[in-house]
Amino acid sequence: MAKDKVIIDPDAFARAVVSGSNLEAKDDVRASKDALKRYLAAYFLIEKFNKLEAEPFKFSNSANFEYLMKALDHIKMS
């Protein structure tokens, strides 16, 4: 694993998530709301990931990487 920190662009990630999503809805307004909700969830998830990645410990060993993965599972999107 690289020693450099991984920083993900939240906007680029959220756009990729939305563009790769199947947003079928009965009308354009519902599809737009679903896309916006998915965009915001992805955006804020990556912002929280970037904050975790900025923490002082390193993910170069597997124990710390496993900690990061568990921490991501516990992020609340409320």
Protein backbone atom coordinates (compact mmCIF):
# COMPACT_ATOMS: atom_id res chain seq x y z
CA MET A 1 0.00 0.00 0.00
CA ALA A 2 1.24 3.48 -0.81
CA LYS A 3 2.56 5.66 1.98
CA ASP A 4 0.81 8.74 0.56
CA LYS A 5 -2.61 9.66 1.86
CA VAL A 6 -5.54 8.95 -0.41
CA ILE A 7 -7.70 12.01 -0.94
CA ILE A 8 -10.76 11.62 -3.14
CA ASP A 9 -12.43 14.57 -4.82
CA PRO A 10 -15.96 14.55 -3.36
CA ASP A 11 -17.59 16.20 -6.38
CA ALA A 12 -15.96 13.87 -8.91
CA PHE A 13 -16.84 10.82 -6.81
CA ALA A 14 -20.46 11.89 -6.30
CA ARG A 15 -20.88 12.61 -10.03
CA ALA A 16 -19.48 9.17 -10.85
CA VAL A 17 -21.88 7.52 -8.41
CA VAL A 18 -24.89 9.33 -9.90
CA SER A 19 -23.84 8.75 -13.49
CA GLY A 20 -23.42 5.04 -12.80
CA SER A 21 -26.80 4.78 -11.11
CA ASN A 22 -30.01 3.47 -12.57
CA LEU A 23 -32.42 6.29 -11.72
CA GLU A 24 -35.71 5.09 -13.12
CA ALA A 25 -38.71 7.03 -11.91
CA LYS A 26 -42.19 7.83 -13.15
CA ASP A 27 -41.34 11.48 -13.66
CA ASP A 28 -38.34 13.77 -14.04
CA VAL A 29 -38.87 15.46 -10.67
CA ARG A 30 -38.73 12.14 -8.80
CA ALA A 31 -35.64 11.07 -10.81
CA SER A 32 -33.98 14.41 -10.05
CA LYS A 33 -34.71 14.11 -6.33
CA ASP A 34 -33.32 10.57 -6.30
CA ALA A 35 -30.19 11.72 -8.15
CA LEU A 36 -29.69 14.65 -5.77
CA LYS A 37 -30.11 12.43 -2.72
CA ARG A 38 -27.59 9.94 -4.11
CA TYR A 39 -25.15 12.74 -5.04
CA LEU A 40 -25.28 14.29 -1.56
CA ALA A 41 -24.91 10.94 0.20
CA ALA A 42 -21.84 10.09 -1.91
CA TYR A 43 -20.37 13.59 -1.52
CA PHE A 44 -20.61 13.64 2.28
CA LEU A 45 -19.43 10.05 2.58
CA ILE A 46 -16.21 10.95 0.75
CA GLU A 47 -15.75 14.09 2.84
CA LYS A 48 -15.91 11.93 5.96
CA PHE A 49 -13.55 9.39 4.37
CA ASN A 50 -11.06 12.17 3.60
CA LYS A 51 -11.23 13.33 7.23
CA LEU A 52 -10.58 9.79 8.45
CA GLU A 53 -7.68 9.47 6.04
CA ALA A 54 -6.19 12.69 7.40
CA GLU A 55 -5.96 11.21 10.89
CA PRO A 56 -2.41 10.88 12.26
CA PHE A 57 -2.17 7.09 12.02
CA LYS A 58 -1.14 5.39 8.80
CA PHE A 59 -2.95 2.78 6.79
CA SER A 60 0.22 1.17 5.56
CA ASN A 61 -0.36 -1.86 7.76
CA SER A 62 -3.38 -4.12 7.44
CA ALA A 63 -4.71 -3.53 10.97
CA ASN A 64 -5.07 0.19 10.37
CA PHE A 65 -6.64 -0.40 6.95
CA GLU A 66 -9.19 -2.73 8.54
CA TYR A 67 -9.90 -0.01 11.11
CA LEU A 68 -10.63 2.45 8.27
CA MET A 69 -13.05 0.02 6.62
CA LYS A 70 -14.88 -0.56 9.92
CA ALA A 71 -15.00 3.19 10.56
CA LEU A 72 -16.62 3.75 7.16
CA ASP A 73 -19.32 1.22 8.04
CA HIS A 74 -20.18 3.23 11.14
CA ILE A 75 -20.51 6.63 9.44
CA LYS A 76 -24.02 7.93 9.95
CA MET A 77 -25.49 9.83 7.04
CA SER A 78 -28.01 11.85 9.03
